[in-house]
Protein backbone atom coordinates (compact mmCIF):
# COMPACT_ATOMS: atom_id res chain seq x y z
CA MET A 1 25.28 2.41 16.11
CA ASN A 2 24.78 1.31 12.52
CA THR A 3 22.37 3.61 11.41
CA ALA A 4 25.12 6.77 12.89
CA LYS A 5 27.79 5.76 11.33
CA VAL A 6 30.34 6.83 14.02
CA PRO A 7 34.03 6.56 13.22
CA VAL A 8 36.37 5.96 16.07
CA GLY A 9 38.01 9.15 17.63
CA SER A 10 35.02 11.43 16.29
CA THR A 11 32.97 14.08 18.12
CA VAL A 12 29.49 13.86 18.89
CA ALA A 13 26.13 15.77 20.14
CA VAL A 14 23.76 14.42 21.81
CA VAL A 15 20.44 16.90 21.65
CA GLY A 16 17.47 15.56 24.08
CA LEU A 17 18.15 12.78 26.93
CA GLY A 18 15.35 10.46 26.61
CA GLY A 19 14.98 7.14 26.03
CA VAL A 20 16.34 7.29 22.51
CA GLY A 21 18.91 10.14 23.15
CA LEU A 22 20.35 8.54 26.32
CA SER A 23 21.04 5.20 23.94
CA ALA A 24 22.89 6.94 21.69
CA VAL A 25 25.17 8.41 24.13
CA LEU A 26 25.47 4.64 24.98
CA GLY A 27 26.20 3.96 21.28
CA ALA A 28 28.65 6.80 20.68
CA GLN A 29 30.69 5.72 23.75
CA VAL A 30 30.92 1.94 22.41
CA ALA A 31 31.68 3.24 18.74
CA GLY A 32 34.64 4.66 19.71
CA ALA A 33 33.78 8.53 20.25
CA ALA A 34 35.98 10.89 21.35
CA ARG A 35 34.04 13.31 22.81
CA ILE A 36 30.11 12.68 23.23
CA VAL A 37 28.23 16.54 24.34
CA ALA A 38 25.41 15.82 25.75
CA VAL A 39 22.85 18.66 25.28
CA ASP A 40 19.33 18.46 27.28
CA LEU A 41 17.57 21.08 29.84
CA SER A 42 17.71 18.46 32.78
CA ASP A 43 20.61 18.15 35.15
CA ARG A 44 19.07 15.17 36.22
CA LYS A 45 19.32 13.54 32.78
CA LEU A 46 22.51 15.49 32.48
CA ALA A 47 24.00 13.67 35.32
CA LEU A 48 23.11 10.11 34.24
CA ALA A 49 24.41 10.84 30.25
CA GLN A 50 27.58 11.74 31.85
CA GLU A 51 27.53 8.09 33.53
CA LEU A 52 26.36 6.60 30.43
CA GLY A 53 29.46 7.62 28.80
CA ALA A 54 29.11 11.80 27.79
CA THR A 55 32.46 13.75 28.12
CA ASP A 56 30.91 16.89 27.90
CA VAL A 57 27.14 18.16 29.07
CA VAL A 58 25.78 21.37 28.31
CA ASN A 59 21.91 22.16 29.74
CA THR A 60 19.70 24.39 27.25
CA ARG A 61 18.74 26.50 30.16
CA ASN A 62 21.90 28.32 30.20
CA PRO A 63 21.13 31.18 27.10
CA ASN A 64 24.63 30.70 25.98
CA HIS A 65 23.96 27.10 25.38
CA VAL A 66 24.46 27.24 21.41
CA GLN A 67 27.84 29.02 21.63
CA ALA A 68 28.96 26.06 24.82
CA VAL A 69 28.62 23.76 22.05
CA ARG A 70 30.66 25.02 19.20
CA ASP A 71 33.31 26.37 22.21
CA LEU A 72 33.55 22.37 22.86
CA THR A 73 33.51 21.03 19.13
CA SER A 74 35.70 23.72 17.68
CA ALA A 75 32.59 25.33 16.05
CA GLY A 76 30.66 22.77 15.74
CA ILE A 77 28.97 19.05 14.25
CA PRO A 78 28.52 18.35 11.24
CA LEU A 79 25.27 16.92 10.71
CA ARG A 80 24.89 13.43 9.48
CA ALA A 81 21.11 11.91 8.41
């Protein structure tokens, strides 16, 4: 939470739902993100991300996954370092 500096009400995308990614989903939820988009190729991990607070999920096996994220987020999400 402290590293990502997620503003309350913001939109967050988490790409890759291993241990770190799932922790990022939890952190975004605790920080008050309004929308959390989880992105992975595993339906099992996507379902778990929803249980942990992801509001939307995108499977990268979908050939249009980039457009799907853009559609969910009004054209994309700015990157933060």
